[in-house]
Structures are given as C-alpha cells and as structure tokens.
C-alpha atoms as a PDB file:
ATOM      1  CA  MET A   1      -3.385 -11.461 -18.960  1.00  0.00           C
ATOM      2  CA  LYS A   2      -4.347 -13.030 -15.849  1.00  0.00           C
ATOM      3  CA  GLN A   3      -4.270  -9.601 -13.657  1.00  0.00           C
ATOM      4  CA  LEU A   4      -4.039  -9.667  -9.750  1.00  0.00           C
ATOM      5  CA  SER A   5      -7.394  -9.708  -7.836  1.00  0.00           C
ATOM      6  CA  ARG A   6      -7.442  -6.532  -4.834  1.00  0.00           C
ATOM      7  CA  ARG A   7      -6.741  -9.456  -2.394  1.00  0.00           C
ATOM      8  CA  GLN A   8      -3.921 -11.237  -4.334  1.00  0.00           C
ATOM      9  CA  ILE A   9      -1.992  -7.584  -4.838  1.00  0.00           C
ATOM     10  CA  ALA A  10      -2.223  -7.426  -0.597  1.00  0.00           C
ATOM     11  CA  TRP A  11      -1.077 -10.785  -0.652  1.00  0.00           C
ATOM     12  CA  ARG A  12       2.138  -9.879  -2.861  1.00  0.00           C
ATOM     13  CA  ALA A  13       3.013  -6.655  -0.632  1.00  0.00           C
ATOM     14  CA  ALA A  14       2.769  -8.843   2.761  1.00  0.00           C
ATOM     15  CA  GLN A  15       5.353 -11.040   1.539  1.00  0.00           C
ATOM     16  CA  ASP A  16       7.909  -8.139   1.517  1.00  0.00           C
ATOM     17  CA  ILE A  17       7.300  -7.382   4.887  1.00  0.00           C
ATOM     18  CA  ARG A  18      10.538  -8.506   7.233  1.00  0.00           C
ATOM     19  CA  ASP A  19      10.412 -10.018  10.410  1.00  0.00           C
ATOM     20  CA  GLY A  20       9.864  -7.670  13.130  1.00  0.00           C
ATOM     21  CA  ALA A  21       8.985  -5.169  11.457  1.00  0.00           C
ATOM     22  CA  TYR A  22       6.341  -2.057  12.887  1.00  0.00           C
ATOM     23  CA  VAL A  23       3.971  -1.711   9.962  1.00  0.00           C
ATOM     24  CA  ASN A  24       1.425   1.143   9.058  1.00  0.00           C
ATOM     25  CA  LEU A  25      -1.775  -0.156   6.813  1.00  0.00           C
ATOM     26  CA  GLY A  26      -3.066   2.743   5.206  1.00  0.00           C
ATOM     27  CA  ILE A  27      -7.021   2.939   4.486  1.00  0.00           C
ATOM     28  CA  GLY A  28      -8.156   0.868   1.425  1.00  0.00           C
ATOM     29  CA  LEU A  29      -6.592  -1.804  -0.526  1.00  0.00           C
ATOM     30  CA  PRO A  30      -3.625  -1.808   2.171  1.00  0.00           C
ATOM     31  CA  THR A  31      -5.713  -2.785   5.241  1.00  0.00           C
ATOM     32  CA  LEU A  32      -6.036  -6.327   3.481  1.00  0.00           C
ATOM     33  CA  VAL A  33      -2.553  -6.737   3.724  1.00  0.00           C
ATOM     34  CA  SER A  34      -3.134  -8.339   7.643  1.00  0.00           C
ATOM     35  CA  ASP A  35      -5.143 -11.195   6.084  1.00  0.00           C
ATOM     36  CA  PHE A  36      -1.424 -12.451   4.516  1.00  0.00           C
ATOM     37  CA  ILE A  37       1.153 -11.746   7.054  1.00  0.00           C
ATOM     38  CA  PRO A  38       3.361 -14.730   5.989  1.00  0.00           C
ATOM     39  CA  LYS A  39       3.142 -17.733   8.863  1.00  0.00           C
ATOM     40  CA  GLY A  40       6.005 -17.529  11.675  1.00  0.00           C
ATOM     41  CA  ARG A  41       6.786 -14.183  10.570  1.00  0.00           C
ATOM     42  CA  GLU A  42       6.264 -11.450  13.365  1.00  0.00           C
ATOM     43  CA  VAL A  43       5.110  -8.407  12.365  1.00  0.00           C
ATOM     44  CA  VAL A  44       3.581  -5.693  14.395  1.00  0.00           C
ATOM     45  CA  LEU A  45       0.785  -3.854  12.398  1.00  0.00           C
ATOM     46  CA  HIS A  46      -0.176  -0.502  13.352  1.00  0.00           C
ATOM     47  CA  SER A  47      -3.504   1.409  12.773  1.00  0.00           C
ATOM     48  CA  GLU A  48      -3.717   5.401  12.891  1.00  0.00           C
ATOM     49  CA  ASN A  49      -7.101   5.342  14.790  1.00  0.00           C
ATOM     50  CA  GLY A  50      -4.991   3.326  17.782  1.00  0.00           C
ATOM     51  CA  ILE A  51      -4.218   0.069  17.430  1.00  0.00           C
ATOM     52  CA  LEU A  52      -0.694  -1.760  17.623  1.00  0.00           C
ATOM     53  CA  GLY A  53      -0.548  -5.559  17.295  1.00  0.00           C
ATOM     54  CA  MET A  54      -4.016  -5.737  14.895  1.00  0.00           C
ATOM     55  CA  GLY A  55      -4.844  -9.322  13.495  1.00  0.00           C
ATOM     56  CA  PRO A  56      -6.339 -10.290  10.254  1.00  0.00           C
ATOM     57  CA  ALA A  57     -10.145  -9.491   9.782  1.00  0.00           C
ATOM     58  CA  PRO A  58     -12.078 -11.292  11.987  1.00  0.00           C
ATOM     59  CA  GLU A  59     -13.945 -14.758  10.909  1.00  0.00           C
ATOM     60  CA  LYS A  60     -17.765 -15.242  10.815  1.00  0.00           C
ATOM     61  CA  GLY A  61     -19.160 -15.013  14.069  1.00  0.00           C
ATOM     62  CA  GLU A  62     -16.067 -13.581  16.075  1.00  0.00           C
ATOM     63  CA  GLU A  63     -16.954  -9.696  14.617  1.00  0.00           C
ATOM     64  CA  ASP A  64     -16.416  -7.168  17.584  1.00  0.00           C
ATOM     65  CA  PRO A  65     -18.010  -3.851  16.491  1.00  0.00           C
ATOM     66  CA  ASP A  66     -15.930  -1.862  18.647  1.00  0.00           C
ATOM     67  CA  LEU A  67     -12.668  -2.778  16.810  1.00  0.00           C
ATOM     68  CA  ILE A  68     -11.832  -1.575  13.770  1.00  0.00           C
ATOM     69  CA  ASN A  69      -9.336  -0.840  11.283  1.00  0.00           C
ATOM     70  CA  ALA A  70      -8.535   2.736   9.938  1.00  0.00           C
ATOM     71  CA  GLY A  71     -11.224   1.988   7.030  1.00  0.00           C
ATOM     72  CA  LYS A  72     -14.005   1.311   9.176  1.00  0.00           C
ATOM     73  CA  GLY A  73     -13.817  -2.407   8.583  1.00  0.00           C
ATOM     74  CA  LEU A  74     -13.709  -4.988  11.353  1.00  0.00           C
ATOM     75  CA  THR A  75     -10.367  -6.101  12.548  1.00  0.00           C
ATOM     76  CA  THR A  76      -9.169  -8.334  15.557  1.00  0.00           C
ATOM     77  CA  LEU A  77      -6.327  -7.837  17.887  1.00  0.00           C
ATOM     78  CA  LEU A  78      -3.115 -10.413  18.335  1.00  0.00           C
ATOM     79  CA  PRO A  79      -2.150 -11.376  21.553  1.00  0.00           C
ATOM     80  CA  GLY A  80       0.008  -8.537  23.589  1.00  0.00           C
ATOM     81  CA  GLY A  81      -1.555  -6.258  21.072  1.00  0.00           C
ATOM     82  CA  ALA A  82      -3.343  -2.315  22.398  1.00  0.00           C
ATOM     83  CA  PHE A  83      -5.553  -0.219  21.434  1.00  0.00           C
ATOM     84  CA  PHE A  84      -5.594   3.439  22.734  1.00  0.00           C
ATOM     85  CA  HIS A  85      -6.023   6.983  22.107  1.00  0.00           C
ATOM     86  CA  HIS A  86      -5.313   8.077  17.830  1.00  0.00           C
ATOM     87  CA  ASN A  87      -2.946  10.969  19.282  1.00  0.00           C
ATOM     88  CA  ASP A  88      -1.114   8.375  20.543  1.00  0.00           C
ATOM     89  CA  ALA A  89      -0.930   6.408  17.242  1.00  0.00           C
ATOM     90  CA  PHE A  90      -0.306   9.769  15.608  1.00  0.00           C
ATOM     91  CA  LEU A  91       3.160  10.553  18.320  1.00  0.00           C
ATOM     92  CA  MET A  92       3.972   6.802  16.689  1.00  0.00           C
ATOM     93  CA  ILE A  93       3.859   7.896  13.402  1.00  0.00           C
ATOM     94  CA  ARG A  94       5.903  11.371  13.898  1.00  0.00           C
ATOM     95  CA  GLY A  95       8.216   9.902  16.364  1.00  0.00           C
ATOM     96  CA  GLY A  96       9.607   7.918  13.518  1.00  0.00           C
ATOM     97  CA  HIS A  97       8.767   4.613  15.242  1.00  0.00           C
ATOM     98  CA  LEU A  98       7.218   2.795  11.885  1.00  0.00           C
ATOM     99  CA  ASP A  99       9.613   0.832   9.721  1.00  0.00           C
ATOM    100  CA  LEU A 100       6.864   0.878   6.891  1.00  0.00           C
ATOM    101  CA  ALA A 101       3.989   2.048   5.873  1.00  0.00           C
ATOM    102  CA  LEU A 102       1.809   0.642   2.893  1.00  0.00           C
ATOM    103  CA  LEU A 103      -0.534   3.393   1.589  1.00  0.00           C
ATOM    104  CA  GLY A 104      -3.651   3.387  -1.112  1.00  0.00           C
ATOM    105  CA  ALA A 105      -2.635   5.989  -4.071  1.00  0.00           C
ATOM    106  CA  TYR A 106      -4.716   7.972  -6.772  1.00  0.00           C
ATOM    107  CA  GLU A 107      -1.449   8.598  -8.553  1.00  0.00           C
ATOM    108  CA  VAL A 108       2.312   7.966  -8.486  1.00  0.00           C
ATOM    109  CA  SER A 109       5.209   9.849 -10.100  1.00  0.00           C
ATOM    110  CA  GLU A 110       8.210   8.490 -11.720  1.00  0.00           C
ATOM    111  CA  GLU A 111      10.112  10.478  -9.178  1.00  0.00           C
ATOM    112  CA  GLY A 112       8.120   8.534  -6.068  1.00  0.00           C
ATOM    113  CA  ASP A 113       5.577  11.701  -5.509  1.00  0.00           C
ATOM    114  CA  LEU A 114       2.607  10.371  -4.130  1.00  0.00           C
ATOM    115  CA  ALA A 115      -0.844  11.810  -4.129  1.00  0.00           C
ATOM    116  CA  ASN A 116      -3.402   9.999  -2.467  1.00  0.00           C
ATOM    117  CA  TRP A 117      -5.733  12.844  -0.634  1.00  0.00           C
ATOM    118  CA  THR A 118      -8.065  14.000  -2.919  1.00  0.00           C
ATOM    119  CA  VAL A 119      -9.311  14.462  -6.998  1.00  0.00           C
ATOM    120  CA  GLU A 120     -10.558  17.714  -6.635  1.00  0.00           C
ATOM    121  CA  ASP A 121     -13.978  16.001  -7.150  1.00  0.00           C
ATOM    122  CA  PRO A 122     -16.598  17.829  -5.328  1.00  0.00           C
ATOM    123  CA  ASN A 123     -18.417  15.026  -5.624  1.00  0.00           C
ATOM    124  CA  THR A 124     -15.693  12.848  -3.614  1.00  0.00           C
ATOM    125  CA  PRO A 125     -14.584  14.766  -0.338  1.00  0.00           C
ATOM    126  CA  PRO A 126     -10.843  14.688   0.572  1.00  0.00           C
ATOM    127  CA  GLY A 127      -9.423  12.658   3.203  1.00  0.00           C
ATOM    128  CA  VAL A 128      -6.383  13.363   4.361  1.00  0.00           C
ATOM    129  CA  GLY A 129      -6.176  11.090   7.637  1.00  0.00           C
ATOM    130  CA  GLY A 130      -2.638  10.636   8.395  1.00  0.00           C
ATOM    131  CA  ALA A 131      -1.643  10.509   4.666  1.00  0.00           C
ATOM    132  CA  MET A 132       0.913  13.190   5.256  1.00  0.00           C
ATOM    133  CA  ASP A 133       1.669  12.267   8.949  1.00  0.00           C
ATOM    134  CA  LEU A 134       2.900   8.685   7.313  1.00  0.00           C
ATOM    135  CA  ALA A 135       4.132  10.042   4.152  1.00  0.00           C
ATOM    136  CA  VAL A 136       6.776  11.457   6.203  1.00  0.00           C
ATOM    137  CA  GLY A 137       7.179   9.557   9.587  1.00  0.00           C
ATOM    138  CA  ALA A 138       7.651   6.300   8.454  1.00  0.00           C
ATOM    139  CA  ARG A 139      10.743   4.866   7.090  1.00  0.00           C
ATOM    140  CA  GLU A 140       9.729   3.336   4.196  1.00  0.00           C
ATOM    141  CA  ILE A 141       6.764   3.880   2.153  1.00  0.00           C
ATOM    142  CA  ARG A 142       5.647   1.574  -0.401  1.00  0.00           C
ATOM    143  CA  VAL A 143       1.710   2.110  -2.124  1.00  0.00           C
ATOM    144  CA  ILE A 144      -0.635  -0.309  -3.201  1.00  0.00           C
ATOM    145  CA  LEU A 145      -2.833   0.149  -6.094  1.00  0.00           C
ATOM    146  CA  GLU A 146      -4.444  -0.623  -9.269  1.00  0.00           C
ATOM    147  CA  HIS A 147      -2.394  -0.129 -12.136  1.00  0.00           C
ATOM    148  CA  ASN A 148      -5.008   2.008 -14.282  1.00  0.00           C
ATOM    149  CA  THR A 149      -8.294   3.701 -13.453  1.00  0.00           C
ATOM    150  CA  LYS A 150     -11.460   2.374 -14.409  1.00  0.00           C
ATOM    151  CA  GLU A 151     -11.553   4.490 -17.358  1.00  0.00           C
ATOM    152  CA  GLY A 152      -8.188   3.094 -18.259  1.00  0.00           C
ATOM    153  CA  ALA A 153      -6.205   6.211 -17.481  1.00  0.00           C
ATOM    154  CA  PRO A 154      -2.596   5.473 -15.903  1.00  0.00           C
ATOM    155  CA  ARG A 155      -2.146   5.857 -12.284  1.00  0.00           C
ATOM    156  CA  ILE A 156       1.963   5.886 -12.641  1.00  0.00           C
ATOM    157  CA  ARG A 157       2.830   9.057 -14.436  1.00  0.00           C
ATOM    158  CA  LYS A 158       5.636  11.336 -15.504  1.00  0.00           C
ATOM    159  CA  ARG A 159       4.268  13.456 -12.857  1.00  0.00           C
ATOM    160  CA  CYS A 160       1.206  13.588 -10.613  1.00  0.00           C
ATOM    161  CA  HIS A 161      -1.533  15.421 -11.578  1.00  0.00           C
ATOM    162  CA  TYR A 162      -3.568  15.580  -8.141  1.00  0.00           C
ATOM    163  CA  PRO A 163      -2.314  17.490  -5.186  1.00  0.00           C
ATOM    164  CA  LEU A 164       0.631  15.866  -3.779  1.00  0.00           C
ATOM    165  CA  THR A 165       0.751  14.269  -0.336  1.00  0.00           C
ATOM    166  CA  ALA A 166       4.277  14.430  -0.167  1.00  0.00           C
ATOM    167  CA  ALA A 167       7.577  14.322  -2.752  1.00  0.00           C
ATOM    168  CA  GLY A 168       9.564  11.683  -3.315  1.00  0.00           C
ATOM    169  CA  VAL A 169       8.839   9.489  -0.645  1.00  0.00           C
ATOM    170  CA  VAL A 170       7.597   6.109  -2.637  1.00  0.00           C
ATOM    171  CA  LYS A 171      10.295   3.231  -2.788  1.00  0.00           C
ATOM    172  CA  ARG A 172       7.935   0.562  -4.140  1.00  0.00           C
ATOM    173  CA  ILE A 173       4.726   0.227  -6.018  1.00  0.00           C
ATOM    174  CA  TYR A 174       2.278  -2.881  -6.084  1.00  0.00           C
ATOM    175  CA  THR A 175       0.073  -3.455  -8.583  1.00  0.00           C
ATOM    176  CA  ASN A 176      -2.678  -5.661 -10.498  1.00  0.00           C
ATOM    177  CA  LEU A 177       0.044  -5.719 -12.889  1.00  0.00           C
ATOM    178  CA  ALA A 178       3.562  -5.421 -11.464  1.00  0.00           C
ATOM    179  CA  VAL A 179       5.747  -4.862  -8.665  1.00  0.00           C
ATOM    180  CA  ILE A 180       8.148  -1.396  -9.513  1.00  0.00           C
ATOM    181  CA  ASP A 181      10.537   0.061  -7.616  1.00  0.00           C
ATOM    182  CA  VAL A 182      11.261   4.309  -7.662  1.00  0.00           C
ATOM    183  CA  THR A 183      15.074   4.173  -7.711  1.00  0.00           C
ATOM    184  CA  ARG A 184      17.248   6.964  -8.674  1.00  0.00           C
ATOM    185  CA  ASP A 185      17.507   5.629 -11.851  1.00  0.00           C
ATOM    186  CA  GLY A 186      13.853   5.947 -12.471  1.00  0.00           C
ATOM    187  CA  LEU A 187      11.471   3.137 -12.158  1.00  0.00           C
ATOM    188  CA  ILE A 188      12.916  -0.479 -12.324  1.00  0.00           C
ATOM    189  CA  THR A 189       9.984  -3.388 -13.548  1.00  0.00           C
ATOM    190  CA  ARG A 190      10.813  -6.228 -11.186  1.00  0.00           C
ATOM    191  CA  GLU A 191       7.659  -8.585 -11.841  1.00  0.00           C
ATOM    192  CA  MET A 192       5.050  -8.750 -14.108  1.00  0.00           C
ATOM    193  CA  VAL A 193       1.942 -10.806 -14.264  1.00  0.00           C
ATOM    194  CA  PRO A 194       1.908 -13.707 -16.509  1.00  0.00           C
ATOM    195  CA  GLY A 195       0.664 -13.058 -20.598  1.00  0.00           C
ATOM    196  CA  LEU A 196       1.505  -9.664 -19.767  1.00  0.00           C
ATOM    197  CA  ASP A 197       4.870  -8.260 -21.812  1.00  0.00           C
ATOM    198  CA  PHE A 198       6.881  -5.348 -20.875  1.00  0.00           C
ATOM    199  CA  ALA A 199       5.796  -3.367 -24.363  1.00  0.00           C
ATOM    200  CA  GLY A 200       2.184  -4.189 -22.753  1.00  0.00           C
ATOM    201  CA  LEU A 201       3.026  -2.659 -19.466  1.00  0.00           C
ATOM    202  CA  GLN A 202       4.677   0.561 -20.555  1.00  0.00           C
ATOM    203  CA  GLU A 203       1.478   0.973 -22.910  1.00  0.00           C
ATOM    204  CA  ARG A 204      -0.631   1.119 -19.792  1.00  0.00           C
ATOM    205  CA  THR A 205       2.129   3.423 -17.927  1.00  0.00           C
ATOM    206  CA  GLU A 206       2.668   6.680 -18.569  1.00  0.00           C
ATOM    207  CA  ALA A 207       6.138   7.046 -17.034  1.00  0.00           C
ATOM    208  CA  ARG A 208       8.652   5.330 -18.293  1.00  0.00           C
ATOM    209  CA  LEU A 209       9.750   2.233 -17.156  1.00  0.00           C
ATOM    210  CA  THR A 210      12.893  -0.255 -17.377  1.00  0.00           C
ATOM    211  CA  LEU A 211      13.122  -4.042 -17.089  1.00  0.00           C
ATOM    212  CA  ALA A 212      15.271  -5.163 -14.368  1.00  0.00           C
ATOM    213  CA  ASN A 213      17.731  -8.178 -15.850  1.00  0.00           C
ATOM    214  CA  ASP A 214      16.560 -10.511 -12.932  1.00  0.00           C
ATOM    215  CA  TRP A 215      13.005  -9.496 -13.922  1.00  0.00           C
ATOM    216  CA  ARG A 216      10.359 -12.633 -12.675  1.00  0.00           C
ATOM    217  CA  VAL A 217       6.781 -13.694 -13.528  1.00  0.00           C
ATOM    218  CA  LEU A 218       4.366 -12.419 -10.584  1.00  0.00           C
ATOM    219  CA  GLU A 219       2.188 -15.230 -10.008  1.00  0.00           C
ATOM    220  CA  ALA A 220       0.193 -15.464  -6.531  1.00  0.00           C
ATOM    221  CA  PRO A 221      -2.122 -18.069  -4.832  1.00  0.00           C
ATOM    222  CA  ALA A 222      -5.694 -17.588  -5.144  1.00  0.00           C
ATOM    223  CA  ALA A 223      -7.025 -15.449  -2.219  1.00  0.00           C
END
C-alpha cells in the first residue's frame, strides 16, 4: 500500500477547487494547499489572520518575515492581493463570502460532524482560532487529515469523541488513504490509494463506508 504524504494529500485537495473560488485555508495541513493550485486556475486564497490573494510558500531567499499564513508559516502575496486587520478577515467569513474552507480535523463523524479545536488534553492547549466561524460561515467545508492517529486509532468515526466544532458541516474528506464524500446515504468512498482494497480501508475506519460504483485509484505525483 502506498500512502500519500502530507504534501500529496494537499495536492489532491487542491485539484478539486473550482476556478474563481474564494477559499480559506485552515491551520496545519491545509496551508500546504497553496503550493498546489493548478496552473491557469484562478483561486483567491483567504487567510483568517488577514490576507486575500495569498500565494504559495516563498522561494528560498524571498521570504518576508512579516507575511505569514494562519499557521504562522511564511507565505507570499499574489498580484492584486491584500493584507488587512484580522477583524476584516472574520467579516468576510461571517458574511458568507467564502465559497470553500479547507480545514484540518482531529475527527470527523459519519454525519459530517467536525471536531478540530481540542483533544481535551491539559498538555495540548485548545486552539479554536477561526474554526467555528469558518465551519458555519463558509458555503462548503472539506477536511484534510491523516486517516488514523499515530497509534492507529480511527479519525473517521461513527460519532466524534472530542468536542464538536460544528455539526453536520463536512462534505468531503481527504486523507492519506482515500477521498470520501459525506452524503445523505452515508460515507461514499470515491478514491483509494494503490495497494489498498476496500476491506482494508474499512478496517482502518470506524464509520461504515460504501464504495462508489465509479471509484478510482488515488495516485498523486511526487510532492
């Protein structure tokens, strides 16, 4: 089985962003998506700390320490882009001006519930950030996460064990193993990595999955 790397997961998520979309990239793995927007596709990236028109990570020697994304990683600004007070960034979120938010997650339930702000561990401070605003303010929510924890526990569950960020908001899930849609008929597996069969994917997933009739092999270029 050939699992995707974190950058390959970000690449896969980037391929589904439609031309002309206004998209927020959440903290963590989603920030990598800015490096993989397909050429020729106009996507306006938004960052909750106050950027519209965010570009990919800077080339070596071109870093600007004052220009960072929501995860405090160095970023760039595309021509026509702007930076501003984070209050204005949140007005964009709460005003319903974002077509899509790509968020990280600790867990997602089979109903599309999202848990991504705390693991209730006193050694790991909670990080609400803009997650709750994005979960209800963006027109669509997709999540990017590792399919299982380092200990092998499932992250896609029948119900979330961690406190919810928002209920029933997630529409698509990208992991290092698969692409899964959240639908009224349950979780539909659209793609799986080479060498993994459906039984193996289900074994790594607590929630019940259904395999799409037109499922495809999930292959990604080196990233």
